[in-house]
């Protein structure tokens, strides 16, 4: 049995620069894994079987099932696998939960089926599954550009993160379609963060930015409220992650974040205190 953690992702910055001819968008983003994770278990089986702890995820729609099928067909693998997903990351939350599960499945099946694919080969396959999947294969902290699949590893300090999800889902596709591209890509936040990345969490927090906030904050007033509550509870800064609706705050130390967590944990459906995760070699 192979067991893997599929870590959630936050976007410390997200600049949407242009719409591409294929319908995707050119972005720049600092993507960062955090301690919140799903658990993926893989074992041998004649066919592919996916079991998920979340009742709203059907097998055929699951990215994990699609990933296993892609790998099996691509390399003519005779055997199958039993894949069990223990969901902890909220669905359609801007945290790349499904993408992270797919990435862990790629890595796990590579071991289980003894395919001996290197990271470059895995990330190439990952890009066929989804735009966040390559990052979830690489992990840690990355500068992402292009469609979000061109990745450069960067070093960032460990940071305290409080995640708050209001309990509803947001479609990434719909969020992208709602963007006014004449108003996005102006902040150049990703480049600013790259310049201050060695200067500590306070400087990093000052340049956090997400172009999707122009869309999702207007549609969902509760997200403005959550941002305000995080700031009232001494977050250095708070923004929406991805296309939302999860909002996260960065905190200077464990004492401050613990107080904020205790203050807010009963107020919203999902409140999770965690830290950023560095890539495991």
Protein backbone atom coordinates (compact mmCIF):
# COMPACT_ATOMS: atom_id res chain seq x y z
CA UNK A 1 0.00 0.00 0.00
CA UNK A 2 1.31 3.43 -1.01
CA UNK A 3 0.09 6.43 1.02
CA UNK A 4 0.59 10.04 -0.02
CA UNK A 5 -0.44 13.49 1.17
CA UNK A 6 -2.14 15.72 -1.41
CA UNK A 7 -1.52 19.26 -0.15
CA UNK A 8 -3.80 22.24 -0.70
CA UNK A 9 -2.50 25.25 -2.64
CA UNK A 10 -2.86 28.97 -2.04
CA UNK A 11 -2.01 31.77 -4.47
CA UNK A 12 0.05 34.44 -2.73
CA UNK A 13 -0.29 36.41 -5.96
CA UNK A 14 -2.41 35.88 -9.07
CA UNK A 15 -2.08 38.23 -12.03
CA UNK A 16 -4.27 37.44 -15.06
CA UNK A 17 -2.49 38.94 -18.07
CA UNK A 18 -4.37 37.90 -21.21
CA UNK A 19 -6.85 35.48 -22.76
CA UNK A 20 -5.27 32.94 -25.11
CA UNK A 21 -6.72 31.66 -28.39
CA UNK A 22 -7.47 28.25 -26.87
CA UNK A 23 -9.69 29.79 -24.18
CA UNK A 24 -7.15 29.54 -21.38
CA UNK A 25 -5.46 32.57 -19.80
CA UNK A 26 -1.88 33.70 -19.46
CA UNK A 27 -1.11 34.26 -15.81
CA UNK A 28 1.68 34.94 -13.37
CA UNK A 29 1.30 33.58 -9.87
CA UNK A 30 3.19 32.56 -6.76
CA UNK A 31 1.73 29.20 -5.82
CA UNK A 32 2.35 27.82 -2.35
CA UNK A 33 1.45 24.51 -0.73
CA UNK A 34 0.07 24.45 2.81
CA UNK A 35 -0.28 21.77 5.47
CA UNK A 36 -3.98 21.07 4.84
CA UNK A 37 -4.10 17.87 2.78
CA UNK A 38 -6.17 15.00 1.44
CA UNK A 39 -4.83 11.47 1.93
CA UNK A 40 -4.40 9.19 -1.07
CA UNK A 41 -3.88 5.44 -0.65
CA UNK A 42 -3.03 3.19 -3.60
CA UNK A 43 -2.87 -0.59 -3.79
CA UNK A 44 -2.89 -3.30 -6.48
CA UNK A 45 -6.15 -4.39 -8.14
CA UNK A 46 -7.13 -5.93 -11.49
CA UNK A 47 -9.11 -2.86 -12.58
CA UNK A 48 -9.19 0.82 -11.58
CA UNK A 49 -11.39 1.50 -8.59
CA UNK A 50 -11.66 4.87 -6.84
CA UNK A 51 -13.23 5.22 -3.41
CA UNK A 52 -13.77 8.72 -2.02
CA UNK A 53 -14.87 9.76 1.47
CA UNK A 54 -16.84 12.72 0.04
CA UNK A 55 -20.35 11.70 -1.11
CA UNK A 56 -20.61 14.43 -3.77
CA UNK A 57 -17.73 13.10 -5.86
CA UNK A 58 -18.72 10.48 -8.43
CA UNK A 59 -16.05 8.13 -9.77
CA UNK A 60 -16.39 8.97 -13.47
CA UNK A 61 -16.10 12.74 -12.90
CA UNK A 62 -13.21 12.40 -10.49
CA UNK A 63 -9.86 13.74 -11.68
CA UNK A 64 -8.20 10.83 -9.88
CA UNK A 65 -10.09 8.31 -12.04
CA UNK A 66 -9.25 10.28 -15.21
CA UNK A 67 -5.59 10.44 -14.15
CA UNK A 68 -5.36 6.70 -13.54
CA UNK A 69 -7.05 5.98 -16.88
CA UNK A 70 -4.71 8.37 -18.72
CA UNK A 71 -1.61 6.76 -17.23
CA UNK A 72 -2.89 3.22 -17.81
CA UNK A 73 -3.69 3.90 -21.48
CA UNK A 74 -0.57 5.98 -22.15
CA UNK A 75 1.78 3.22 -20.98
CA UNK A 76 -0.36 0.15 -21.75
CA UNK A 77 -0.41 -0.92 -18.12
CA UNK A 78 -2.06 -4.32 -17.69
CA UNK A 79 -2.90 -4.07 -14.00
CA UNK A 80 -5.22 -1.65 -12.24
CA UNK A 81 -5.27 0.00 -8.83
CA UNK A 82 -7.52 0.62 -5.87
CA UNK A 83 -7.28 4.31 -5.00
CA UNK A 84 -8.82 5.65 -1.80
CA UNK A 85 -9.26 9.40 -1.24
CA UNK A 86 -9.78 10.81 2.22
CA UNK A 87 -11.05 14.35 1.53
CA UNK A 88 -10.15 17.18 3.89
CA UNK A 89 -9.78 20.01 1.35
CA UNK A 90 -13.13 21.71 0.51
CA UNK A 91 -14.41 21.21 -3.06
CA UNK A 92 -14.19 23.96 -5.72
CA UNK A 93 -12.59 26.20 -3.13
CA UNK A 94 -9.61 27.79 -4.91
CA UNK A 95 -7.27 25.39 -3.09
CA UNK A 96 -6.54 22.93 -5.95
CA UNK A 97 -7.90 19.98 -3.98
CA UNK A 98 -8.84 17.92 -7.04
CA UNK A 99 -5.61 18.84 -8.80
CA UNK A 100 -3.56 17.84 -5.78
CA UNK A 101 -5.36 14.49 -5.59
CA UNK A 102 -4.64 13.93 -9.29
CA UNK A 103 -0.96 14.79 -8.81
CA UNK A 104 -0.63 12.41 -5.86
CA UNK A 105 -2.27 9.72 -7.99
CA UNK A 106 0.27 10.30 -10.77
CA UNK A 107 3.16 10.04 -8.34
CA UNK A 108 1.67 7.04 -6.54
CA UNK A 109 0.83 5.05 -9.68
CA UNK A 110 4.29 5.79 -11.06
CA UNK A 111 5.60 3.88 -8.03
CA UNK A 112 2.91 1.20 -7.89
CA UNK A 113 3.17 0.36 -11.59
CA UNK A 114 6.98 0.81 -11.62
CA UNK A 115 6.87 3.19 -14.60
CA UNK A 116 10.03 5.04 -13.47
CA UNK A 117 8.91 8.39 -14.91
CA UNK A 118 10.95 11.40 -13.80
CA UNK A 119 9.45 14.68 -12.56
CA UNK A 120 9.62 16.30 -16.00
CA UNK A 121 7.65 13.44 -17.56
CA UNK A 122 5.13 13.51 -14.71
CA UNK A 123 4.55 17.27 -15.00
CA UNK A 124 4.06 16.95 -18.77
CA UNK A 125 1.33 14.37 -18.17
CA UNK A 126 -0.04 16.51 -15.34
CA UNK A 127 -0.58 19.44 -17.72
CA UNK A 128 -2.97 17.25 -19.75
CA UNK A 129 -5.14 16.79 -16.66
CA UNK A 130 -5.38 20.37 -15.34
CA UNK A 131 -3.53 23.66 -14.99
CA UNK A 132 -2.83 23.24 -11.25
CA UNK A 133 -1.77 19.59 -11.46
CA UNK A 134 1.87 20.20 -12.53
CA UNK A 135 2.40 22.48 -9.53
CA UNK A 136 0.96 19.85 -7.22
CA UNK A 137 3.50 17.37 -8.61
CA UNK A 138 6.40 19.78 -8.02
CA UNK A 139 5.10 21.16 -4.71
CA UNK A 140 6.49 23.66 -2.24
CA UNK A 141 6.73 27.24 -3.51
CA UNK A 142 6.75 28.07 -7.23
CA UNK A 143 6.60 30.99 -9.64
CA UNK A 144 4.00 29.90 -12.21
CA UNK A 145 3.61 31.51 -15.62
CA UNK A 146 2.02 30.85 -19.01
CA UNK A 147 -1.16 28.88 -18.35
CA UNK A 148 0.15 28.24 -14.85
CA UNK A 149 2.04 25.13 -15.90
CA UNK A 150 5.47 26.67 -16.50
CA UNK A 151 7.05 26.45 -13.06
CA UNK A 152 10.20 27.75 -11.40
CA UNK A 153 10.93 26.70 -7.83
CA UNK A 154 11.54 29.50 -5.34
CA UNK A 155 12.43 29.61 -1.65
CA UNK A 156 10.01 31.29 0.75
CA UNK A 157 10.05 31.41 4.56
CA UNK A 158 7.66 29.24 6.55
CA UNK A 159 4.45 31.21 7.11
CA UNK A 160 1.38 30.83 9.33
CA UNK A 161 -1.83 30.61 7.28
CA UNK A 162 -5.47 30.71 8.39
CA UNK A 163 -7.88 29.34 5.77
CA UNK A 164 -11.58 30.24 5.87
CA UNK A 165 -14.12 28.76 3.46
CA UNK A 166 -17.71 30.08 3.53
CA UNK A 167 -19.26 26.73 2.59
CA UNK A 168 -20.17 27.19 -1.08
CA UNK A 169 -18.39 26.36 -4.33
CA UNK A 170 -17.13 28.66 -7.09
CA UNK A 171 -16.60 27.49 -10.67
CA UNK A 172 -13.13 28.44 -11.92
CA UNK A 173 -14.38 28.56 -15.51
CA UNK A 174 -17.23 30.93 -14.63
CA UNK A 175 -14.87 33.13 -12.61
CA UNK A 176 -12.48 33.44 -15.56
CA UNK A 177 -15.37 34.26 -17.91
CA UNK A 178 -16.45 37.04 -15.54
CA UNK A 179 -13.06 38.80 -15.52
CA UNK A 180 -12.72 42.20 -17.15
CA UNK A 181 -9.32 41.72 -18.78
CA UNK A 182 -8.94 45.46 -19.37
CA UNK A 183 -8.62 45.81 -15.59
CA UNK A 184 -6.50 42.77 -14.70
CA UNK A 185 -2.75 42.29 -14.85
CA UNK A 186 -2.05 45.85 -13.67
CA UNK A 187 -0.80 45.09 -10.15
CA UNK A 188 2.27 43.10 -11.30
CA UNK A 189 2.14 41.57 -7.82
CA UNK A 190 3.99 38.40 -8.78
CA UNK A 191 7.06 40.32 -9.90
CA UNK A 192 6.91 42.41 -6.71
CA UNK A 193 6.76 39.31 -4.53
CA UNK A 194 9.73 37.78 -6.34
CA UNK A 195 11.68 40.92 -5.44
CA UNK A 196 10.84 40.75 -1.71
CA UNK A 197 10.71 36.97 -1.22
CA UNK A 198 13.83 36.93 0.98
CA UNK A 199 12.68 39.82 3.19
CA UNK A 200 10.28 37.95 5.48
CA UNK A 201 6.56 37.41 5.88
CA UNK A 202 5.70 41.09 6.54
CA UNK A 203 7.11 42.24 3.20
CA UNK A 204 5.56 39.26 1.40
CA UNK A 205 2.15 40.04 2.90
CA UNK A 206 2.28 43.64 1.63
CA UNK A 207 2.36 42.57 -2.04
CA UNK A 208 -0.24 39.78 -1.88
CA UNK A 209 -2.84 40.30 -4.62
CA UNK A 210 -5.44 38.36 -6.60
CA UNK A 211 -7.07 39.70 -9.77
CA UNK A 212 -10.10 37.45 -9.16
CA UNK A 213 -11.09 39.55 -6.15
CA UNK A 214 -12.55 42.13 -8.54
CA UNK A 215 -15.10 39.47 -9.54
CA UNK A 216 -15.74 37.32 -6.48
CA UNK A 217 -15.85 40.05 -3.81
CA UNK A 218 -18.59 41.83 -5.74
CA UNK A 219 -20.64 38.65 -6.14
CA UNK A 220 -20.18 37.30 -2.62
CA UNK A 221 -20.26 39.93 0.14
CA UNK A 222 -19.38 37.30 2.76
CA UNK A 223 -15.86 37.13 1.31
CA UNK A 224 -15.36 40.84 2.07
CA UNK A 225 -16.63 40.12 5.56
CA UNK A 226 -14.14 37.24 6.01
CA UNK A 227 -11.26 39.42 4.81
CA UNK A 228 -12.30 42.07 7.30
CA UNK A 229 -12.55 39.57 10.16
CA UNK A 230 -9.07 38.23 9.41
CA UNK A 231 -7.62 41.74 9.42
CA UNK A 232 -9.48 42.58 12.66
CA UNK A 233 -7.80 39.52 14.16
CA UNK A 234 -4.31 40.77 13.29
CA UNK A 235 -3.63 39.07 9.96
CA UNK A 236 -0.79 40.82 8.12
CA UNK A 237 -2.94 40.61 4.99
CA UNK A 238 -5.83 38.50 3.69
CA UNK A 239 -6.88 37.66 0.12
CA UNK A 240 -8.97 35.17 -1.84
CA UNK A 241 -7.09 32.07 -3.04
CA UNK A 242 -7.42 31.17 -6.72
CA UNK A 243 -10.91 31.83 -8.04
CA UNK A 244 -12.27 31.47 -4.51
CA UNK A 245 -14.21 31.28 -2.39
CA UNK A 246 -11.57 30.38 0.24
CA UNK A 247 -9.95 33.41 1.88
CA UNK A 248 -6.64 33.10 3.69
CA UNK A 249 -4.72 35.34 6.04
CA UNK A 250 -0.99 35.40 6.73
CA UNK A 251 0.07 35.79 10.34
CA UNK A 252 3.37 36.76 11.91
CA UNK A 253 3.57 34.09 14.59
CA UNK A 254 1.85 31.09 16.17
CA UNK A 255 0.45 33.04 19.10
CA UNK A 256 -1.34 35.56 16.86
CA UNK A 257 -2.81 32.97 14.50
CA UNK A 258 -3.96 30.79 17.40
CA UNK A 259 -5.93 33.70 18.87
CA UNK A 260 -7.49 34.43 15.46
CA UNK A 261 -8.42 30.77 15.01
CA UNK A 262 -10.09 30.61 18.42
CA UNK A 263 -11.98 33.81 17.63
CA UNK A 264 -13.25 32.69 14.21
CA UNK A 265 -13.54 28.89 14.31
CA UNK A 266 -17.26 28.88 15.20
CA UNK A 267 -18.19 31.71 12.82
CA UNK A 268 -17.70 30.00 9.43
CA UNK A 269 -18.22 26.45 8.10
CA UNK A 270 -14.52 25.74 7.53
CA UNK A 271 -11.69 27.40 9.46
CA UNK A 272 -8.27 25.73 9.34
CA UNK A 273 -5.00 26.82 10.92
CA UNK A 274 -1.92 25.64 9.07
CA UNK A 275 1.55 26.55 7.79
CA UNK A 276 3.19 26.72 4.40
CA UNK A 277 4.94 23.55 3.24
CA UNK A 278 8.37 23.38 1.63
CA UNK A 279 8.98 20.85 -1.12
CA UNK A 280 10.13 17.46 0.13
CA UNK A 281 13.17 16.26 -1.77
